N, C-alpha and C. Protein backbone atom coordinates (compact mmCIF):
# COMPACT_ATOMS: atom_id res chain seq x y z
N MET A 1 116.74 103.30 84.11
CA MET A 1 117.07 104.52 84.82
C MET A 1 115.82 105.25 85.30
N ALA A 2 114.86 105.44 84.35
CA ALA A 2 113.64 106.14 84.74
C ALA A 2 112.88 105.36 85.78
N THR A 3 112.86 104.01 85.60
CA THR A 3 112.13 103.19 86.56
C THR A 3 112.77 103.29 87.93
N ILE A 4 114.10 103.31 87.99
CA ILE A 4 114.79 103.43 89.28
C ILE A 4 114.41 104.73 89.97
N ALA A 5 114.38 105.81 89.18
CA ALA A 5 114.01 107.10 89.78
C ALA A 5 112.58 107.08 90.30
N LEU A 6 111.67 106.48 89.50
CA LEU A 6 110.29 106.39 89.95
C LEU A 6 110.18 105.58 91.23
N LEU A 7 110.94 104.47 91.29
CA LEU A 7 110.90 103.63 92.48
C LEU A 7 111.47 104.37 93.68
N ALA A 8 112.48 105.21 93.45
CA ALA A 8 113.04 105.98 94.57
C ALA A 8 112.01 106.93 95.14
N VAL A 9 111.23 107.56 94.25
CA VAL A 9 110.18 108.46 94.71
C VAL A 9 109.13 107.70 95.49
N VAL A 10 108.74 106.52 94.96
CA VAL A 10 107.72 105.71 95.64
C VAL A 10 108.20 105.30 97.02
N ARG A 11 109.45 104.80 97.09
CA ARG A 11 109.99 104.35 98.37
C ARG A 11 110.06 105.51 99.37
N ALA A 12 110.56 106.67 98.93
CA ALA A 12 110.66 107.81 99.83
C ALA A 12 109.28 108.29 100.26
N ALA A 13 108.33 108.24 99.33
CA ALA A 13 106.97 108.66 99.67
C ALA A 13 106.37 107.74 100.72
N VAL A 14 106.65 106.43 100.57
CA VAL A 14 106.14 105.48 101.57
C VAL A 14 106.73 105.76 102.93
N VAL A 15 108.05 106.01 102.97
CA VAL A 15 108.70 106.33 104.24
C VAL A 15 108.10 107.60 104.83
N GLY A 16 107.90 108.61 103.96
CA GLY A 16 107.32 109.86 104.46
C GLY A 16 105.91 109.67 104.99
N LEU A 17 105.12 108.86 104.29
CA LEU A 17 103.76 108.61 104.76
C LEU A 17 103.74 107.88 106.08
N ILE A 18 104.65 106.91 106.22
CA ILE A 18 104.72 106.16 107.48
C ILE A 18 105.13 107.07 108.62
N LEU A 19 106.10 107.96 108.34
CA LEU A 19 106.60 108.83 109.40
C LEU A 19 105.62 109.95 109.75
N THR A 20 104.80 110.35 108.79
CA THR A 20 103.95 111.51 109.03
C THR A 20 102.47 111.18 109.13
N ARG A 21 102.07 109.93 108.83
CA ARG A 21 100.66 109.57 108.84
C ARG A 21 100.12 109.56 110.26
N PRO A 22 98.98 110.19 110.49
CA PRO A 22 98.38 110.14 111.83
C PRO A 22 97.80 108.77 112.10
N SER A 23 97.69 108.42 113.38
CA SER A 23 97.12 107.15 113.76
C SER A 23 95.61 107.21 113.68
N ALA A 24 94.96 106.05 113.91
CA ALA A 24 93.51 105.98 113.79
C ALA A 24 92.82 106.87 114.81
N ASN A 25 93.43 107.04 116.01
CA ASN A 25 92.83 107.88 117.04
C ASN A 25 93.56 109.20 117.14
N SER A 26 93.95 109.72 115.96
CA SER A 26 94.74 110.95 115.95
C SER A 26 93.95 112.12 116.52
N GLY A 27 92.62 112.12 116.32
CA GLY A 27 91.83 113.23 116.85
C GLY A 27 91.89 113.27 118.35
N ILE A 28 91.80 112.08 119.01
CA ILE A 28 91.88 112.03 120.47
C ILE A 28 93.26 112.42 120.95
N THR A 29 94.27 111.90 120.22
CA THR A 29 95.65 112.20 120.62
C THR A 29 95.93 113.69 120.51
N THR A 30 95.44 114.30 119.42
CA THR A 30 95.69 115.73 119.22
C THR A 30 95.05 116.55 120.32
N GLN A 31 93.85 116.18 120.71
CA GLN A 31 93.16 116.94 121.74
C GLN A 31 93.80 116.75 123.10
N ALA A 32 94.27 115.49 123.36
CA ALA A 32 94.79 115.20 124.69
C ALA A 32 96.23 115.62 124.86
N ARG A 33 97.02 115.44 123.80
CA ARG A 33 98.46 115.66 123.96
C ARG A 33 99.01 116.77 123.07
N GLY A 34 98.19 117.32 122.19
CA GLY A 34 98.69 118.35 121.31
C GLY A 34 99.25 117.75 120.03
N ARG A 35 99.63 118.59 119.14
CA ARG A 35 100.14 118.12 117.84
C ARG A 35 101.48 117.43 118.00
N ARG A 36 101.67 116.35 117.22
CA ARG A 36 102.92 115.61 117.24
C ARG A 36 104.06 116.46 116.69
N PRO A 37 105.23 116.42 117.29
CA PRO A 37 106.34 117.23 116.78
C PRO A 37 106.73 116.81 115.38
N PRO A 38 107.24 117.74 114.56
CA PRO A 38 107.61 117.41 113.18
C PRO A 38 108.83 116.49 113.14
N LEU A 39 109.05 115.91 111.96
CA LEU A 39 110.17 114.99 111.77
C LEU A 39 111.50 115.69 112.05
N VAL A 40 111.65 116.93 111.61
CA VAL A 40 112.86 117.72 111.87
C VAL A 40 112.44 119.11 112.33
N ASP A 41 113.34 119.80 112.99
CA ASP A 41 113.08 121.16 113.45
C ASP A 41 113.31 122.13 112.29
N GLU A 42 112.24 122.67 111.76
CA GLU A 42 112.33 123.58 110.62
C GLU A 42 112.33 125.04 111.03
N ARG A 43 112.42 125.31 112.33
CA ARG A 43 112.36 126.69 112.79
C ARG A 43 113.46 127.58 112.22
N PRO A 44 114.72 127.06 112.06
CA PRO A 44 115.74 127.93 111.45
C PRO A 44 115.35 128.41 110.05
N LEU A 45 114.79 127.50 109.24
CA LEU A 45 114.39 127.87 107.89
C LEU A 45 113.19 128.80 107.91
N GLN A 46 112.24 128.53 108.80
CA GLN A 46 111.07 129.40 108.90
C GLN A 46 111.46 130.81 109.33
N SER A 47 112.40 130.90 110.28
CA SER A 47 112.86 132.22 110.73
C SER A 47 113.59 132.96 109.60
N ALA A 48 114.41 132.21 108.84
CA ALA A 48 115.14 132.84 107.74
C ALA A 48 114.19 133.34 106.67
N ARG A 49 113.12 132.58 106.40
CA ARG A 49 112.14 133.01 105.41
C ARG A 49 111.41 134.27 105.89
N ALA A 50 111.07 134.30 107.17
CA ALA A 50 110.38 135.47 107.71
C ALA A 50 111.27 136.71 107.63
N MET A 51 112.57 136.54 107.93
CA MET A 51 113.51 137.67 107.85
C MET A 51 113.70 138.11 106.40
N ALA A 52 113.75 137.14 105.47
CA ALA A 52 113.95 137.48 104.07
C ALA A 52 112.80 138.32 103.54
N ALA A 53 111.60 138.05 104.03
CA ALA A 53 110.43 138.81 103.58
C ALA A 53 110.49 140.27 104.02
N LEU A 54 111.28 140.56 105.06
CA LEU A 54 111.37 141.92 105.59
C LEU A 54 112.53 142.70 104.98
N ALA A 55 113.40 142.01 104.24
CA ALA A 55 114.57 142.69 103.66
C ALA A 55 114.12 143.70 102.62
N SER A 56 114.69 144.90 102.69
CA SER A 56 114.26 145.97 101.78
C SER A 56 115.37 146.40 100.82
N ASP A 57 116.55 146.74 101.33
CA ASP A 57 117.60 147.22 100.45
C ASP A 57 118.46 146.04 99.97
N PRO A 58 119.33 146.26 98.95
CA PRO A 58 120.13 145.18 98.38
C PRO A 58 121.01 144.47 99.40
N ASP A 59 121.63 145.19 100.34
CA ASP A 59 122.49 144.55 101.33
C ASP A 59 121.68 143.60 102.22
N GLN A 60 120.52 144.05 102.65
CA GLN A 60 119.68 143.20 103.47
C GLN A 60 119.21 141.97 102.69
N GLN A 61 118.88 142.15 101.43
CA GLN A 61 118.44 141.02 100.61
C GLN A 61 119.56 140.01 100.40
N ARG A 62 120.79 140.52 100.22
CA ARG A 62 121.94 139.62 100.04
C ARG A 62 122.18 138.80 101.30
N LEU A 63 122.15 139.47 102.45
CA LEU A 63 122.34 138.76 103.72
C LEU A 63 121.20 137.79 103.98
N ALA A 64 119.99 138.19 103.59
CA ALA A 64 118.83 137.30 103.79
C ALA A 64 118.97 136.04 102.96
N GLN A 65 119.46 136.18 101.73
CA GLN A 65 119.65 135.00 100.88
C GLN A 65 120.72 134.08 101.45
N GLN A 66 121.78 134.66 102.01
CA GLN A 66 122.81 133.83 102.65
C GLN A 66 122.24 133.09 103.85
N ALA A 67 121.41 133.79 104.64
CA ALA A 67 120.78 133.16 105.79
C ALA A 67 119.85 132.03 105.35
N LEU A 68 119.14 132.23 104.24
CA LEU A 68 118.26 131.18 103.72
C LEU A 68 119.03 129.95 103.31
N ARG A 69 120.16 130.16 102.62
CA ARG A 69 120.97 129.01 102.19
C ARG A 69 121.50 128.24 103.38
N LEU A 70 122.01 128.97 104.40
CA LEU A 70 122.55 128.31 105.59
C LEU A 70 121.45 127.57 106.34
N ALA A 71 120.29 128.20 106.48
CA ALA A 71 119.19 127.56 107.20
C ALA A 71 118.69 126.34 106.45
N ASP A 72 118.61 126.44 105.13
CA ASP A 72 118.16 125.30 104.33
C ASP A 72 119.14 124.14 104.45
N HIS A 73 120.44 124.46 104.47
CA HIS A 73 121.46 123.42 104.63
C HIS A 73 121.35 122.77 106.01
N GLU A 74 121.09 123.59 107.03
CA GLU A 74 120.95 123.05 108.38
C GLU A 74 119.76 122.09 108.48
N VAL A 75 118.65 122.45 107.85
CA VAL A 75 117.48 121.59 107.86
C VAL A 75 117.75 120.31 107.06
N ASP A 76 118.50 120.43 105.95
CA ASP A 76 118.88 119.24 105.18
C ASP A 76 119.67 118.26 106.04
N LEU A 77 120.62 118.79 106.82
CA LEU A 77 121.42 117.93 107.69
C LEU A 77 120.55 117.28 108.76
N ALA A 78 119.62 118.06 109.31
CA ALA A 78 118.73 117.50 110.33
C ALA A 78 117.85 116.41 109.74
N PHE A 79 117.38 116.63 108.51
CA PHE A 79 116.57 115.61 107.86
C PHE A 79 117.39 114.35 107.61
N ALA A 80 118.64 114.50 107.15
CA ALA A 80 119.50 113.35 106.90
C ALA A 80 119.72 112.56 108.19
N ASP A 81 119.93 113.27 109.31
CA ASP A 81 120.11 112.59 110.59
C ASP A 81 118.84 111.83 110.99
N ALA A 82 117.68 112.48 110.79
CA ALA A 82 116.41 111.83 111.15
C ALA A 82 116.15 110.61 110.29
N LEU A 83 116.47 110.72 108.99
CA LEU A 83 116.26 109.59 108.09
C LEU A 83 117.21 108.45 108.42
N ARG A 84 118.46 108.79 108.78
CA ARG A 84 119.42 107.75 109.17
C ARG A 84 118.97 107.05 110.46
N ASP A 85 118.46 107.85 111.40
CA ASP A 85 117.97 107.26 112.64
C ASP A 85 116.77 106.35 112.39
N ALA A 86 115.88 106.78 111.47
CA ALA A 86 114.72 105.95 111.14
C ALA A 86 115.13 104.66 110.46
N THR A 87 116.23 104.73 109.67
CA THR A 87 116.72 103.53 109.00
C THR A 87 117.34 102.57 110.00
N GLU A 88 118.08 103.12 110.96
CA GLU A 88 118.75 102.27 111.96
C GLU A 88 117.77 101.73 113.00
N HIS A 89 116.66 102.44 113.22
CA HIS A 89 115.67 102.01 114.21
C HIS A 89 114.29 102.02 113.55
N PRO A 90 114.07 101.11 112.61
CA PRO A 90 112.81 101.14 111.85
C PRO A 90 111.61 100.76 112.71
N VAL A 91 110.49 101.36 112.35
CA VAL A 91 109.22 101.02 112.99
C VAL A 91 108.72 99.71 112.38
N PRO A 92 108.24 98.77 113.20
CA PRO A 92 107.73 97.50 112.65
C PRO A 92 106.69 97.77 111.58
N PRO A 93 106.89 97.27 110.36
CA PRO A 93 105.96 97.57 109.27
C PRO A 93 104.63 96.85 109.45
N LYS A 94 103.59 97.48 108.94
CA LYS A 94 102.27 96.87 108.94
C LYS A 94 102.14 95.97 107.71
N PRO A 95 101.15 95.07 107.69
CA PRO A 95 101.02 94.14 106.56
C PRO A 95 100.97 94.83 105.20
N GLU A 96 100.18 95.92 105.10
CA GLU A 96 100.08 96.59 103.80
C GLU A 96 101.40 97.24 103.41
N THR A 97 102.16 97.71 104.41
CA THR A 97 103.46 98.32 104.12
C THR A 97 104.45 97.26 103.65
N ARG A 98 104.43 96.10 104.29
CA ARG A 98 105.33 95.01 103.88
C ARG A 98 105.03 94.58 102.45
N GLU A 99 103.76 94.53 102.10
CA GLU A 99 103.39 94.13 100.74
C GLU A 99 103.89 95.15 99.72
N LEU A 100 103.76 96.44 100.05
CA LEU A 100 104.21 97.48 99.14
C LEU A 100 105.72 97.45 98.95
N PHE A 101 106.46 97.29 100.04
CA PHE A 101 107.91 97.21 99.94
C PHE A 101 108.34 95.96 99.17
N ALA A 102 107.59 94.88 99.32
CA ALA A 102 107.92 93.66 98.58
C ALA A 102 107.78 93.90 97.07
N ARG A 103 106.75 94.64 96.69
CA ARG A 103 106.56 94.95 95.27
C ARG A 103 107.68 95.86 94.76
N VAL A 104 108.05 96.85 95.58
CA VAL A 104 109.14 97.74 95.18
C VAL A 104 110.44 96.97 95.02
N ASN A 105 110.74 96.08 95.96
CA ASN A 105 111.98 95.29 95.88
C ASN A 105 111.97 94.38 94.66
N LYS A 106 110.80 93.81 94.35
CA LYS A 106 110.69 92.95 93.17
C LYS A 106 110.94 93.76 91.90
N ALA A 107 110.37 94.96 91.84
CA ALA A 107 110.57 95.82 90.67
C ALA A 107 112.03 96.24 90.55
N GLN A 108 112.67 96.55 91.68
CA GLN A 108 114.08 96.93 91.65
C GLN A 108 114.95 95.78 91.16
N ALA A 109 114.61 94.57 91.56
CA ALA A 109 115.37 93.41 91.09
C ALA A 109 115.23 93.25 89.57
N ALA A 110 114.02 93.51 89.05
CA ALA A 110 113.82 93.43 87.61
C ALA A 110 114.62 94.50 86.88
N VAL A 111 114.66 95.71 87.45
CA VAL A 111 115.45 96.79 86.84
C VAL A 111 116.93 96.43 86.84
N LYS A 112 117.41 95.88 87.95
CA LYS A 112 118.83 95.49 88.03
C LYS A 112 119.15 94.42 86.98
N ALA A 113 118.24 93.49 86.76
CA ALA A 113 118.45 92.45 85.76
C ALA A 113 118.53 93.07 84.36
N ASP A 114 117.68 94.05 84.09
CA ASP A 114 117.72 94.74 82.79
C ASP A 114 119.03 95.49 82.61
N GLU A 115 119.51 96.13 83.67
CA GLU A 115 120.77 96.87 83.59
C GLU A 115 121.93 95.92 83.30
N ASP A 116 121.95 94.79 83.99
CA ASP A 116 123.01 93.80 83.74
C ASP A 116 122.94 93.28 82.31
N ARG A 117 121.73 93.03 81.83
CA ARG A 117 121.55 92.54 80.46
C ARG A 117 122.00 93.59 79.45
N LEU A 118 121.71 94.87 79.73
CA LEU A 118 122.12 95.94 78.83
C LEU A 118 123.64 96.05 78.76
N ASP A 119 124.30 95.97 79.90
CA ASP A 119 125.78 96.01 79.91
C ASP A 119 126.36 94.85 79.12
N GLN A 120 125.75 93.69 79.27
CA GLN A 120 126.24 92.51 78.55
C GLN A 120 126.08 92.67 77.04
N LEU A 121 124.93 93.20 76.64
CA LEU A 121 124.68 93.39 75.21
C LEU A 121 125.64 94.41 74.60
N LYS A 122 125.94 95.47 75.35
CA LYS A 122 126.87 96.48 74.85
C LYS A 122 128.26 95.91 74.66
N LYS A 123 128.68 95.05 75.57
CA LYS A 123 129.98 94.40 75.42
C LYS A 123 129.98 93.47 74.22
N GLN A 124 128.89 92.76 74.01
CA GLN A 124 128.78 91.87 72.86
C GLN A 124 128.79 92.66 71.56
N LEU A 125 128.12 93.82 71.57
CA LEU A 125 128.06 94.65 70.37
C LEU A 125 129.44 95.16 69.99
N ALA A 126 130.22 95.53 71.00
CA ALA A 126 131.57 96.06 70.74
C ALA A 126 132.47 95.03 70.07
N ALA A 127 132.24 93.75 70.38
CA ALA A 127 133.09 92.69 69.84
C ALA A 127 132.41 91.87 68.76
N ALA A 128 131.21 92.25 68.35
CA ALA A 128 130.42 91.43 67.42
C ALA A 128 130.89 91.60 65.98
N LYS A 129 130.62 90.56 65.19
CA LYS A 129 130.87 90.62 63.77
C LYS A 129 129.76 91.43 63.10
N PRO A 130 130.00 91.98 61.92
CA PRO A 130 129.01 92.84 61.26
C PRO A 130 127.63 92.20 61.11
N ASP A 131 127.57 90.89 60.88
CA ASP A 131 126.28 90.25 60.64
C ASP A 131 125.44 90.11 61.91
N ARG A 132 126.02 90.38 63.08
CA ARG A 132 125.28 90.27 64.34
C ARG A 132 124.96 91.64 64.96
N ARG A 133 125.55 92.67 64.41
CA ARG A 133 125.41 93.99 65.02
C ARG A 133 123.96 94.49 65.02
N ASP A 134 123.26 94.31 63.91
CA ASP A 134 121.89 94.82 63.83
C ASP A 134 121.00 94.17 64.88
N ASN A 135 121.13 92.86 65.06
CA ASN A 135 120.31 92.15 66.03
C ASN A 135 120.61 92.60 67.45
N LEU A 136 121.88 92.76 67.76
CA LEU A 136 122.27 93.21 69.09
C LEU A 136 121.80 94.64 69.36
N GLN A 137 121.91 95.50 68.35
CA GLN A 137 121.47 96.88 68.51
C GLN A 137 119.96 96.95 68.76
N GLN A 138 119.20 96.09 68.09
CA GLN A 138 117.75 96.06 68.31
C GLN A 138 117.43 95.66 69.76
N GLN A 139 118.16 94.69 70.28
CA GLN A 139 117.95 94.27 71.67
C GLN A 139 118.30 95.40 72.64
N ILE A 140 119.37 96.14 72.34
CA ILE A 140 119.77 97.26 73.19
C ILE A 140 118.70 98.35 73.16
N ASP A 141 118.16 98.62 71.97
CA ASP A 141 117.13 99.66 71.85
C ASP A 141 115.89 99.31 72.66
N LEU A 142 115.58 98.02 72.76
CA LEU A 142 114.41 97.60 73.52
C LEU A 142 114.60 97.80 75.02
N ILE A 143 115.84 97.68 75.50
CA ILE A 143 116.12 97.78 76.93
C ILE A 143 116.41 99.22 77.35
N GLN A 144 116.87 100.05 76.42
CA GLN A 144 117.22 101.43 76.76
C GLN A 144 116.01 102.13 77.38
N PRO A 145 116.23 103.04 78.32
CA PRO A 145 115.11 103.75 78.96
C PRO A 145 114.32 104.57 77.95
N ARG A 146 112.99 104.51 78.10
CA ARG A 146 112.11 105.31 77.24
C ARG A 146 111.89 106.70 77.82
N LEU A 147 112.18 106.85 79.11
CA LEU A 147 111.97 108.14 79.77
C LEU A 147 112.87 108.22 81.00
N VAL A 148 113.38 109.41 81.29
CA VAL A 148 114.21 109.65 82.47
C VAL A 148 113.46 110.60 83.39
N LEU A 149 113.38 110.24 84.68
CA LEU A 149 112.76 111.11 85.68
C LEU A 149 113.87 111.69 86.54
N ALA A 150 114.10 113.00 86.42
CA ALA A 150 115.12 113.69 87.20
C ALA A 150 114.51 114.12 88.53
N VAL A 151 114.99 113.54 89.62
CA VAL A 151 114.42 113.78 90.95
C VAL A 151 115.27 114.80 91.69
N GLY A 152 114.77 116.02 91.83
CA GLY A 152 115.48 117.06 92.56
C GLY A 152 116.29 117.97 91.67
N GLY A 153 116.66 119.11 92.24
CA GLY A 153 117.35 120.14 91.47
C GLY A 153 118.74 119.73 91.00
N ILE A 154 119.50 119.06 91.86
CA ILE A 154 120.87 118.69 91.49
C ILE A 154 120.88 117.75 90.29
N ALA A 155 120.03 116.72 90.34
CA ALA A 155 119.96 115.78 89.21
C ALA A 155 119.51 116.49 87.94
N ALA A 156 118.47 117.29 88.04
CA ALA A 156 117.94 117.97 86.86
C ALA A 156 118.96 118.95 86.26
N GLN A 157 119.60 119.73 87.12
CA GLN A 157 120.56 120.72 86.63
C GLN A 157 121.78 120.06 86.00
N ASN A 158 122.24 118.96 86.57
CA ASN A 158 123.40 118.27 86.00
C ASN A 158 123.05 117.61 84.67
N LEU A 159 121.89 116.96 84.61
CA LEU A 159 121.51 116.27 83.38
C LEU A 159 121.23 117.24 82.25
N LEU A 160 120.63 118.39 82.58
CA LEU A 160 120.23 119.34 81.55
C LEU A 160 121.22 120.49 81.38
N ALA A 161 122.29 120.49 82.20
CA ALA A 161 123.31 121.55 82.12
C ALA A 161 122.66 122.93 82.22
N THR A 162 121.89 123.14 83.28
CA THR A 162 121.20 124.40 83.47
C THR A 162 121.23 124.78 84.95
N GLU A 163 120.93 126.03 85.23
CA GLU A 163 120.83 126.49 86.61
C GLU A 163 119.38 126.81 86.99
N GLU A 164 118.44 126.47 86.12
CA GLU A 164 117.03 126.73 86.40
C GLU A 164 116.57 125.89 87.59
N SER A 165 115.59 126.41 88.31
CA SER A 165 115.06 125.71 89.48
C SER A 165 114.11 124.60 89.06
N VAL A 166 113.82 123.69 90.00
CA VAL A 166 112.87 122.61 89.73
C VAL A 166 111.51 123.18 89.36
N GLY A 167 111.11 124.26 90.05
CA GLY A 167 109.83 124.86 89.78
C GLY A 167 109.68 125.31 88.34
N ARG A 168 110.76 125.77 87.73
CA ARG A 168 110.72 126.21 86.34
C ARG A 168 110.86 125.05 85.36
N LEU A 169 111.56 123.98 85.78
CA LEU A 169 111.82 122.87 84.88
C LEU A 169 110.69 121.85 84.83
N ARG A 170 109.95 121.73 85.92
CA ARG A 170 108.87 120.73 85.96
C ARG A 170 107.72 121.15 85.05
N GLY A 171 106.94 120.17 84.62
CA GLY A 171 105.81 120.45 83.75
C GLY A 171 106.16 120.51 82.28
N HIS A 172 107.42 120.22 81.93
CA HIS A 172 107.85 120.23 80.54
C HIS A 172 108.58 118.92 80.22
N VAL A 173 108.55 118.53 78.96
CA VAL A 173 109.32 117.37 78.50
C VAL A 173 110.62 117.88 77.92
N HIS A 174 111.72 117.56 78.57
CA HIS A 174 113.05 117.93 78.09
C HIS A 174 113.64 116.75 77.32
N ARG A 175 114.71 116.99 76.60
CA ARG A 175 115.35 115.94 75.80
C ARG A 175 116.78 115.74 76.27
N LEU A 176 117.18 114.47 76.37
CA LEU A 176 118.48 114.14 76.93
C LEU A 176 119.30 113.33 75.95
N GLY A 177 120.52 113.80 75.70
CA GLY A 177 121.49 113.03 74.91
C GLY A 177 121.18 112.95 73.42
N GLU A 178 121.99 112.15 72.74
CA GLU A 178 121.85 112.00 71.29
C GLU A 178 120.55 111.32 70.90
N ARG A 179 120.03 110.47 71.76
CA ARG A 179 118.77 109.78 71.47
C ARG A 179 117.55 110.65 71.77
N ALA A 180 117.80 111.86 72.32
CA ALA A 180 116.71 112.77 72.67
C ALA A 180 115.68 112.08 73.56
N THR A 181 116.17 111.34 74.55
CA THR A 181 115.30 110.63 75.48
C THR A 181 114.47 111.63 76.28
N PRO A 182 113.16 111.44 76.36
CA PRO A 182 112.33 112.36 77.15
C PRO A 182 112.77 112.40 78.61
N LEU A 183 112.79 113.57 79.20
CA LEU A 183 113.18 113.75 80.59
C LEU A 183 112.17 114.66 81.29
N VAL A 184 111.67 114.20 82.42
CA VAL A 184 110.70 114.96 83.21
C VAL A 184 111.31 115.24 84.59
N VAL A 185 111.08 116.43 85.10
CA VAL A 185 111.67 116.87 86.37
C VAL A 185 110.60 116.90 87.46
N THR A 186 110.97 116.46 88.66
CA THR A 186 110.07 116.55 89.81
C THR A 186 110.88 116.86 91.06
N TYR A 187 110.17 117.05 92.17
CA TYR A 187 110.83 117.42 93.42
C TYR A 187 111.50 116.21 94.08
N HIS A 188 112.53 116.49 94.86
CA HIS A 188 113.24 115.44 95.59
C HIS A 188 112.39 114.99 96.78
N PRO A 189 112.39 113.69 97.10
CA PRO A 189 111.60 113.21 98.25
C PRO A 189 111.92 113.93 99.55
N ALA A 190 113.19 114.30 99.76
CA ALA A 190 113.55 115.02 100.98
C ALA A 190 112.81 116.35 101.06
N TYR A 191 112.69 117.02 99.92
CA TYR A 191 111.96 118.29 99.89
C TYR A 191 110.48 118.08 100.19
N LEU A 192 109.93 116.99 99.69
CA LEU A 192 108.51 116.71 99.91
C LEU A 192 108.22 116.41 101.37
N LEU A 193 109.15 115.74 102.04
CA LEU A 193 108.95 115.46 103.46
C LEU A 193 109.02 116.75 104.28
N ARG A 194 109.83 117.70 103.83
CA ARG A 194 109.92 118.97 104.52
C ARG A 194 108.78 119.91 104.14
N SER A 195 108.22 119.71 102.95
CA SER A 195 107.15 120.58 102.46
C SER A 195 105.99 119.72 101.97
N PRO A 196 105.21 119.16 102.88
CA PRO A 196 104.13 118.25 102.49
C PRO A 196 103.12 118.88 101.53
N GLY A 197 102.99 120.18 101.58
CA GLY A 197 102.03 120.84 100.70
C GLY A 197 102.37 120.71 99.23
N GLU A 198 103.61 120.32 98.92
CA GLU A 198 104.03 120.19 97.53
C GLU A 198 103.83 118.77 96.98
N LYS A 199 103.32 117.85 97.82
CA LYS A 199 103.14 116.47 97.37
C LYS A 199 102.18 116.38 96.19
N ARG A 200 101.17 117.26 96.18
CA ARG A 200 100.22 117.25 95.07
C ARG A 200 100.92 117.56 93.75
N LYS A 201 101.86 118.51 93.79
CA LYS A 201 102.60 118.84 92.57
C LYS A 201 103.45 117.65 92.12
N ALA A 202 104.08 116.95 93.07
CA ALA A 202 104.91 115.79 92.73
C ALA A 202 104.04 114.70 92.11
N TRP A 203 102.84 114.51 92.65
CA TRP A 203 101.93 113.51 92.09
C TRP A 203 101.53 113.89 90.67
N THR A 204 101.32 115.18 90.44
CA THR A 204 101.02 115.67 89.09
C THR A 204 102.19 115.38 88.16
N ASP A 205 103.42 115.56 88.65
CA ASP A 205 104.61 115.28 87.84
C ASP A 205 104.68 113.80 87.47
N LEU A 206 104.36 112.91 88.41
CA LEU A 206 104.42 111.48 88.13
C LEU A 206 103.37 111.08 87.09
N LYS A 207 102.18 111.67 87.18
CA LYS A 207 101.15 111.38 86.18
C LYS A 207 101.56 111.93 84.82
N PHE A 208 102.22 113.10 84.84
CA PHE A 208 102.70 113.69 83.60
C PHE A 208 103.77 112.79 82.97
N ALA A 209 104.68 112.26 83.81
CA ALA A 209 105.73 111.37 83.32
C ALA A 209 105.13 110.08 82.77
N ARG A 210 104.13 109.55 83.45
CA ARG A 210 103.49 108.32 82.99
C ARG A 210 102.82 108.53 81.64
N ALA A 211 102.14 109.65 81.47
CA ALA A 211 101.50 109.95 80.19
C ALA A 211 102.52 110.07 79.07
N GLU A 212 103.64 110.72 79.36
CA GLU A 212 104.70 110.86 78.35
C GLU A 212 105.32 109.51 78.03
N LEU A 213 105.47 108.64 79.03
CA LEU A 213 106.03 107.32 78.81
C LEU A 213 105.10 106.49 77.91
N ILE A 214 103.80 106.59 78.15
CA ILE A 214 102.83 105.88 77.30
C ILE A 214 102.91 106.40 75.88
N ARG A 215 103.01 107.73 75.76
CA ARG A 215 103.11 108.32 74.42
C ARG A 215 104.38 107.88 73.69
N ALA A 216 105.51 107.83 74.47
CA ALA A 216 106.80 107.42 73.87
C ALA A 216 106.74 105.96 73.41
N ARG A 217 106.06 105.13 74.16
CA ARG A 217 105.95 103.71 73.77
C ARG A 217 105.14 103.53 72.51
N GLY A 218 104.26 104.48 72.23
CA GLY A 218 103.42 104.37 71.07
C GLY A 218 104.13 104.65 69.77
N HIS A 219 105.34 105.22 69.88
CA HIS A 219 106.10 105.57 68.66
C HIS A 219 107.08 104.47 68.31
């Protein structure tokens, strides 16, 4: 599970880098043609944020928050459309990009194999005789995730049964379920594509998750 989440972040980050990375002659292009248009039109959200900053009384603040939610939803839909269009009309990948995607696909195949093996072991455990239960349980414990990476607010809030924002939840090790599996929260790739300035924080989250995973393996 944690590996799948990590792979999702890597894949989305690769897509974002491909879509937003400047070309080798970006300086010439910028001077000659101006800045490249963004992936999605974020002006509705920018306008809503500017209006929210001017709200003074409670009624204005309430209306400003509603405008922010609507604008954020509109940008989300625009991003989904742009991502779907990019998927349907992909840019020919470069050699280094093909190699990276090949590694991601290979890792995903390994994760899928582990998931299938885990399901099989659980079924065997349910029907096993007492003398085989300990051995099967040990195999299940080895395959169970050592860490869960919650990507985005919806995943984090559902898993942790909280209404706290990602900003408040990230940077801490939370515990999930009866096994108290470590859980780390980070931003959703869609948010990172809309807010490139937050990529550094997401990278910090991934390093934090990796350090916790290494620590968990040591126990």
